[in-house]
Amino acid sequence: MADVIDRGNEQAEYLLEVALARRPQLPVGPSATHCDDCDEPIPALRREKVAGCTTCVECQRIREVKRG
């Protein structure tokens, strides 16, 4: 019986690791002052509220639409 429980725990741990690896990685660090895509200035409020952002709102929206 312990073998079944051990296998179940191993499978649950594996599935958790897979799920964590698939989650989107959040940017870390200071936000860019200008958009990586269009080179327009990124508003100060966006830089404050979205840590590590590298795109303006419009370019981020386009990226998300393309990503699906």
PDB file of N, CA and C in Angstrom:
ATOM      1  N   MET A   1       0.816  -1.193   0.000  1.00  0.00           N
ATOM      2  CA  MET A   1       0.000   0.000   0.000  1.00  0.00           C
ATOM      3  C   MET A   1       0.863   1.262   0.000  1.00  0.00           C
ATOM      4  N   ALA A   2       1.972   1.218   0.706  1.00  0.00           N
ATOM      5  CA  ALA A   2       2.853   2.385   0.767  1.00  0.00           C
ATOM      6  C   ALA A   2       3.418   2.711  -0.610  1.00  0.00           C
ATOM      7  N   ASP A   3       3.641   1.684  -1.440  1.00  0.00           N
ATOM      8  CA  ASP A   3       4.172   1.932  -2.781  1.00  0.00           C
ATOM      9  C   ASP A   3       3.206   2.767  -3.611  1.00  0.00           C
ATOM     10  N   VAL A   4       1.924   2.488  -3.515  1.00  0.00           N
ATOM     11  CA  VAL A   4       0.908   3.240  -4.256  1.00  0.00           C
ATOM     12  C   VAL A   4       0.892   4.692  -3.794  1.00  0.00           C
ATOM     13  N   ILE A   5       0.978   4.900  -2.498  1.00  0.00           N
ATOM     14  CA  ILE A   5       0.991   6.251  -1.943  1.00  0.00           C
ATOM     15  C   ILE A   5       2.264   6.980  -2.361  1.00  0.00           C
ATOM     16  N   ASP A   6       3.395   6.292  -2.307  1.00  0.00           N
ATOM     17  CA  ASP A   6       4.660   6.900  -2.727  1.00  0.00           C
ATOM     18  C   ASP A   6       4.605   7.317  -4.194  1.00  0.00           C
ATOM     19  N   ARG A   7       4.081   6.438  -5.042  1.00  0.00           N
ATOM     20  CA  ARG A   7       3.971   6.774  -6.469  1.00  0.00           C
ATOM     21  C   ARG A   7       3.041   7.963  -6.681  1.00  0.00           C
ATOM     22  N   GLY A   8       1.956   7.993  -5.933  1.00  0.00           N
ATOM     23  CA  GLY A   8       1.015   9.116  -6.024  1.00  0.00           C
ATOM     24  C   GLY A   8       1.665  10.427  -5.614  1.00  0.00           C
ATOM     25  N   ASN A   9       2.437  10.388  -4.540  1.00  0.00           N
ATOM     26  CA  ASN A   9       3.153  11.587  -4.090  1.00  0.00           C
ATOM     27  C   ASN A   9       4.199  12.026  -5.103  1.00  0.00           C
ATOM     28  N   GLU A  10       4.919  11.072  -5.683  1.00  0.00           N
ATOM     29  CA  GLU A  10       5.921  11.402  -6.697  1.00  0.00           C
ATOM     30  C   GLU A  10       5.264  12.029  -7.927  1.00  0.00           C
ATOM     31  N   GLN A  11       4.118  11.479  -8.334  1.00  0.00           N
ATOM     32  CA  GLN A  11       3.416  12.031  -9.494  1.00  0.00           C
ATOM     33  C   GLN A  11       2.902  13.439  -9.189  1.00  0.00           C
ATOM     34  N   ALA A  12       2.363  13.654  -8.000  1.00  0.00           N
ATOM     35  CA  ALA A  12       1.875  14.978  -7.619  1.00  0.00           C
ATOM     36  C   ALA A  12       3.021  15.985  -7.598  1.00  0.00           C
ATOM     37  N   GLU A  13       4.164  15.583  -7.088  1.00  0.00           N
ATOM     38  CA  GLU A  13       5.336  16.464  -7.057  1.00  0.00           C
ATOM     39  C   GLU A  13       5.792  16.794  -8.474  1.00  0.00           C
ATOM     40  N   TYR A  14       5.816  15.794  -9.336  1.00  0.00           N
ATOM     41  CA  TYR A  14       6.205  16.010 -10.734  1.00  0.00           C
ATOM     42  C   TYR A  14       5.250  16.990 -11.422  1.00  0.00           C
ATOM     43  N   LEU A  15       3.954  16.793 -11.244  1.00  0.00           N
ATOM     44  CA  LEU A  15       2.970  17.667 -11.878  1.00  0.00           C
ATOM     45  C   LEU A  15       3.084  19.098 -11.359  1.00  0.00           C
ATOM     46  N   LEU A  16       3.384  19.259 -10.085  1.00  0.00           N
ATOM     47  CA  LEU A  16       3.593  20.586  -9.524  1.00  0.00           C
ATOM     48  C   LEU A  16       4.816  21.251 -10.145  1.00  0.00           C
ATOM     49  N   GLU A  17       5.906  20.505 -10.296  1.00  0.00           N
ATOM     50  CA  GLU A  17       7.117  21.047 -10.919  1.00  0.00           C
ATOM     51  C   GLU A  17       6.855  21.473 -12.356  1.00  0.00           C
ATOM     52  N   VAL A  18       6.098  20.676 -13.104  1.00  0.00           N
ATOM     53  CA  VAL A  18       5.769  21.011 -14.486  1.00  0.00           C
ATOM     54  C   VAL A  18       4.931  22.283 -14.534  1.00  0.00           C
ATOM     55  N   ALA A  19       3.937  22.376 -13.662  1.00  0.00           N
ATOM     56  CA  ALA A  19       3.069  23.559 -13.635  1.00  0.00           C
ATOM     57  C   ALA A  19       3.864  24.814 -13.285  1.00  0.00           C
ATOM     58  N   LEU A  20       4.766  24.710 -12.334  1.00  0.00           N
ATOM     59  CA  LEU A  20       5.584  25.870 -11.956  1.00  0.00           C
ATOM     60  C   LEU A  20       6.523  26.280 -13.085  1.00  0.00           C
ATOM     61  N   ALA A  21       7.045  25.315 -13.814  1.00  0.00           N
ATOM     62  CA  ALA A  21       7.949  25.628 -14.927  1.00  0.00           C
ATOM     63  C   ALA A  21       7.206  26.311 -16.070  1.00  0.00           C
ATOM     64  N   ARG A  22       5.923  26.017 -16.228  1.00  0.00           N
ATOM     65  CA  ARG A  22       5.136  26.579 -17.331  1.00  0.00           C
ATOM     66  C   ARG A  22       4.575  27.969 -17.039  1.00  0.00           C
ATOM     67  N   ARG A  23       4.540  28.358 -15.785  1.00  0.00           N
ATOM     68  CA  ARG A  23       3.929  29.648 -15.469  1.00  0.00           C
ATOM     69  C   ARG A  23       4.785  30.777 -16.029  1.00  0.00           C
ATOM     70  N   PRO A  24       4.135  31.864 -16.403  1.00  0.00           N
ATOM     71  CA  PRO A  24       4.890  33.002 -16.948  1.00  0.00           C
ATOM     72  C   PRO A  24       5.838  33.574 -15.900  1.00  0.00           C
ATOM     73  N   GLN A  25       7.006  33.907 -16.320  1.00  0.00           N
ATOM     74  CA  GLN A  25       7.973  34.508 -15.417  1.00  0.00           C
ATOM     75  C   GLN A  25       7.734  36.020 -15.360  1.00  0.00           C
ATOM     76  N   LEU A  26       7.566  36.550 -14.162  1.00  0.00           N
ATOM     77  CA  LEU A  26       7.347  37.971 -13.999  1.00  0.00           C
ATOM     78  C   LEU A  26       8.673  38.706 -14.063  1.00  0.00           C
ATOM     79  N   PRO A  27       8.682  39.871 -14.700  1.00  0.00           N
ATOM     80  CA  PRO A  27       9.921  40.645 -14.765  1.00  0.00           C
ATOM     81  C   PRO A  27      10.371  41.065 -13.369  1.00  0.00           C
ATOM     82  N   VAL A  28      11.653  41.135 -13.203  1.00  0.00           N
ATOM     83  CA  VAL A  28      12.225  41.548 -11.931  1.00  0.00           C
ATOM     84  C   VAL A  28      13.219  42.662 -12.221  1.00  0.00           C
ATOM     85  N   GLY A  29      13.285  43.619 -11.324  1.00  0.00           N
ATOM     86  CA  GLY A  29      14.240  44.695 -11.485  1.00  0.00           C
ATOM     87  C   GLY A  29      13.568  45.982 -11.920  1.00  0.00           C
ATOM     88  N   PRO A  30      14.366  46.961 -12.234  1.00  0.00           N
ATOM     89  CA  PRO A  30      13.808  48.269 -12.602  1.00  0.00           C
ATOM     90  C   PRO A  30      13.119  48.224 -13.967  1.00  0.00           C
ATOM     91  N   SER A  31      12.099  49.038 -14.106  1.00  0.00           N
ATOM     92  CA  SER A  31      11.391  49.145 -15.380  1.00  0.00           C
ATOM     93  C   SER A  31      12.203  49.984 -16.355  1.00  0.00           C
ATOM     94  N   ALA A  32      12.019  49.711 -17.636  1.00  0.00           N
ATOM     95  CA  ALA A  32      12.686  50.489 -18.678  1.00  0.00           C
ATOM     96  C   ALA A  32      12.028  51.858 -18.788  1.00  0.00           C
ATOM     97  N   THR A  33      12.770  52.840 -19.223  1.00  0.00           N
ATOM     98  CA  THR A  33      12.196  54.174 -19.415  1.00  0.00           C
ATOM     99  C   THR A  33      11.569  54.317 -20.791  1.00  0.00           C
ATOM    100  N   HIS A  34      12.036  53.498 -21.753  1.00  0.00           N
ATOM    101  CA  HIS A  34      11.501  53.531 -23.110  1.00  0.00           C
ATOM    102  C   HIS A  34      11.133  52.108 -23.542  1.00  0.00           C
ATOM    103  N   CYS A  35      10.080  52.005 -24.333  1.00  0.00           N
ATOM    104  CA  CYS A  35       9.560  50.721 -24.797  1.00  0.00           C
ATOM    105  C   CYS A  35      10.578  49.993 -25.672  1.00  0.00           C
ATOM    106  N   ASP A  36      10.765  48.713 -25.419  1.00  0.00           N
ATOM    107  CA  ASP A  36      11.670  47.887 -26.227  1.00  0.00           C
ATOM    108  C   ASP A  36      11.191  47.752 -27.666  1.00  0.00           C
ATOM    109  N   ASP A  37       9.874  47.834 -27.879  1.00  0.00           N
ATOM    110  CA  ASP A  37       9.324  47.600 -29.216  1.00  0.00           C
ATOM    111  C   ASP A  37       9.214  48.865 -30.066  1.00  0.00           C
ATOM    112  N   CYS A  38       8.704  49.959 -29.479  1.00  0.00           N
ATOM    113  CA  CYS A  38       8.462  51.166 -30.274  1.00  0.00           C
ATOM    114  C   CYS A  38       9.351  52.340 -29.882  1.00  0.00           C
ATOM    115  N   ASP A  39      10.123  52.209 -28.829  1.00  0.00           N
ATOM    116  CA  ASP A  39      11.056  53.214 -28.331  1.00  0.00           C
ATOM    117  C   ASP A  39      10.382  54.484 -27.811  1.00  0.00           C
ATOM    118  N   GLU A  40       9.073  54.419 -27.571  1.00  0.00           N
ATOM    119  CA  GLU A  40       8.364  55.554 -26.962  1.00  0.00           C
ATOM    120  C   GLU A  40       8.601  55.513 -25.449  1.00  0.00           C
ATOM    121  N   PRO A  41       8.540  56.668 -24.776  1.00  0.00           N
ATOM    122  CA  PRO A  41       8.698  56.674 -23.309  1.00  0.00           C
ATOM    123  C   PRO A  41       7.578  55.879 -22.631  1.00  0.00           C
ATOM    124  N   ILE A  42       7.936  55.151 -21.600  1.00  0.00           N
ATOM    125  CA  ILE A  42       6.951  54.423 -20.802  1.00  0.00           C
ATOM    126  C   ILE A  42       6.533  55.363 -19.676  1.00  0.00           C
ATOM    127  N   PRO A  43       5.219  55.616 -19.525  1.00  0.00           N
ATOM    128  CA  PRO A  43       4.755  56.539 -18.479  1.00  0.00           C
ATOM    129  C   PRO A  43       5.231  56.118 -17.081  1.00  0.00           C
ATOM    130  N   ALA A  44       5.517  57.131 -16.262  1.00  0.00           N
ATOM    131  CA  ALA A  44       6.033  56.886 -14.914  1.00  0.00           C
ATOM    132  C   ALA A  44       5.088  56.009 -14.096  1.00  0.00           C
ATOM    133  N   LEU A  45       3.786  56.214 -14.213  1.00  0.00           N
ATOM    134  CA  LEU A  45       2.832  55.420 -13.441  1.00  0.00           C
ATOM    135  C   LEU A  45       2.929  53.941 -13.806  1.00  0.00           C
ATOM    136  N   ARG A  46       3.073  53.641 -15.090  1.00  0.00           N
ATOM    137  CA  ARG A  46       3.230  52.236 -15.505  1.00  0.00           C
ATOM    138  C   ARG A  46       4.524  51.662 -14.941  1.00  0.00           C
ATOM    139  N   ARG A  47       5.601  52.423 -15.010  1.00  0.00           N
ATOM    140  CA  ARG A  47       6.886  51.941 -14.482  1.00  0.00           C
ATOM    141  C   ARG A  47       6.796  51.661 -12.986  1.00  0.00           C
ATOM    142  N   GLU A  48       6.009  52.475 -12.257  1.00  0.00           N
ATOM    143  CA  GLU A  48       5.849  52.275 -10.815  1.00  0.00           C
ATOM    144  C   GLU A  48       4.987  51.059 -10.510  1.00  0.00           C
ATOM    145  N   LYS A  49       3.901  50.882 -11.257  1.00  0.00           N
ATOM    146  CA  LYS A  49       2.919  49.843 -10.947  1.00  0.00           C
ATOM    147  C   LYS A  49       3.279  48.474 -11.508  1.00  0.00           C
ATOM    148  N   VAL A  50       4.078  48.430 -12.585  1.00  0.00           N
ATOM    149  CA  VAL A  50       4.435  47.157 -13.215  1.00  0.00           C
ATOM    150  C   VAL A  50       5.959  47.015 -13.136  1.00  0.00           C
ATOM    151  N   ALA A  51       6.405  46.399 -12.061  1.00  0.00           N
ATOM    152  CA  ALA A  51       7.846  46.253 -11.840  1.00  0.00           C
ATOM    153  C   ALA A  51       8.503  45.500 -12.986  1.00  0.00           C
ATOM    154  N   GLY A  52       9.579  46.047 -13.487  1.00  0.00           N
ATOM    155  CA  GLY A  52      10.348  45.382 -14.527  1.00  0.00           C
ATOM    156  C   GLY A  52       9.746  45.463 -15.918  1.00  0.00           C
ATOM    157  N   CYS A  53       8.746  46.332 -16.127  1.00  0.00           N
ATOM    158  CA  CYS A  53       8.137  46.399 -17.461  1.00  0.00           C
ATOM    159  C   CYS A  53       9.145  46.932 -18.478  1.00  0.00           C
ATOM    160  N   THR A  54       9.031  46.430 -19.689  1.00  0.00           N
ATOM    161  CA  THR A  54       9.943  46.844 -20.760  1.00  0.00           C
ATOM    162  C   THR A  54       9.196  47.330 -21.993  1.00  0.00           C
ATOM    163  N   THR A  55       7.864  47.336 -21.930  1.00  0.00           N
ATOM    164  CA  THR A  55       7.064  47.784 -23.061  1.00  0.00           C
ATOM    165  C   THR A  55       5.977  48.748 -22.598  1.00  0.00           C
ATOM    166  N   CYS A  56       5.521  49.576 -23.526  1.00  0.00           N
ATOM    167  CA  CYS A  56       4.389  50.450 -23.243  1.00  0.00           C
ATOM    168  C   CYS A  56       3.119  49.601 -23.247  1.00  0.00           C
ATOM    169  N   VAL A  57       2.018  50.182 -22.833  1.00  0.00           N
ATOM    170  CA  VAL A  57       0.761  49.439 -22.724  1.00  0.00           C
ATOM    171  C   VAL A  57       0.343  48.882 -24.082  1.00  0.00           C
ATOM    172  N   GLU A  58       0.409  49.704 -25.123  1.00  0.00           N
ATOM    173  CA  GLU A  58      -0.045  49.267 -26.449  1.00  0.00           C
ATOM    174  C   GLU A  58       0.816  48.124 -26.984  1.00  0.00           C
ATOM    175  N   CYS A  59       2.112  48.226 -26.869  1.00  0.00           N
ATOM    176  CA  CYS A  59       2.984  47.145 -27.352  1.00  0.00           C
ATOM    177  C   CYS A  59       2.795  45.874 -26.526  1.00  0.00           C
ATOM    178  N   GLN A  60       2.558  46.013 -25.230  1.00  0.00           N
ATOM    179  CA  GLN A  60       2.290  44.834 -24.403  1.00  0.00           C
ATOM    180  C   GLN A  60       0.997  44.169 -24.838  1.00  0.00           C
ATOM    181  N   ARG A  61      -0.024  44.969 -25.146  1.00  0.00           N
ATOM    182  CA  ARG A  61      -1.293  44.425 -25.625  1.00  0.00           C
ATOM    183  C   ARG A  61      -1.085  43.645 -26.916  1.00  0.00           C
ATOM    184  N   ILE A  62      -0.299  44.195 -27.834  1.00  0.00           N
ATOM    185  CA  ILE A  62      -0.012  43.517 -29.103  1.00  0.00           C
ATOM    186  C   ILE A  62       0.704  42.196 -28.848  1.00  0.00           C
ATOM    187  N   ARG A  63       1.674  42.191 -27.940  1.00  0.00           N
ATOM    188  CA  ARG A  63       2.381  40.940 -27.609  1.00  0.00           C
ATOM    189  C   ARG A  63       1.433  39.885 -27.081  1.00  0.00           C
ATOM    190  N   GLU A  64       0.514  40.305 -26.218  1.00  0.00           N
ATOM    191  CA  GLU A  64      -0.423  39.348 -25.630  1.00  0.00           C
ATOM    192  C   GLU A  64      -1.407  38.813 -26.659  1.00  0.00           C
ATOM    193  N   VAL A  65      -1.829  39.650 -27.596  1.00  0.00           N
ATOM    194  CA  VAL A  65      -2.726  39.198 -28.655  1.00  0.00           C
ATOM    195  C   VAL A  65      -2.010  38.176 -29.540  1.00  0.00           C
ATOM    196  N   LYS A  66      -0.768  38.456 -29.887  1.00  0.00           N
ATOM    197  CA  LYS A  66       0.008  37.533 -30.721  1.00  0.00           C
ATOM    198  C   LYS A  66       0.238  36.202 -30.013  1.00  0.00           C
ATOM    199  N   ARG A  67       0.457  36.274 -28.701  1.00  0.00           N
ATOM    200  CA  ARG A  67       0.726  35.070 -27.909  1.00  0.00           C
ATOM    201  C   ARG A  67      -0.520  34.208 -27.795  1.00  0.00           C
ATOM    202  N   GLY A  68      -1.689  34.851 -27.867  1.00  0.00           N
ATOM    203  CA  GLY A  68      -2.944  34.093 -27.816  1.00  0.00           C
ATOM    204  C   GLY A  68      -3.474  34.033 -26.476  1.00  0.00           C
TER     205      GLY A  68
END
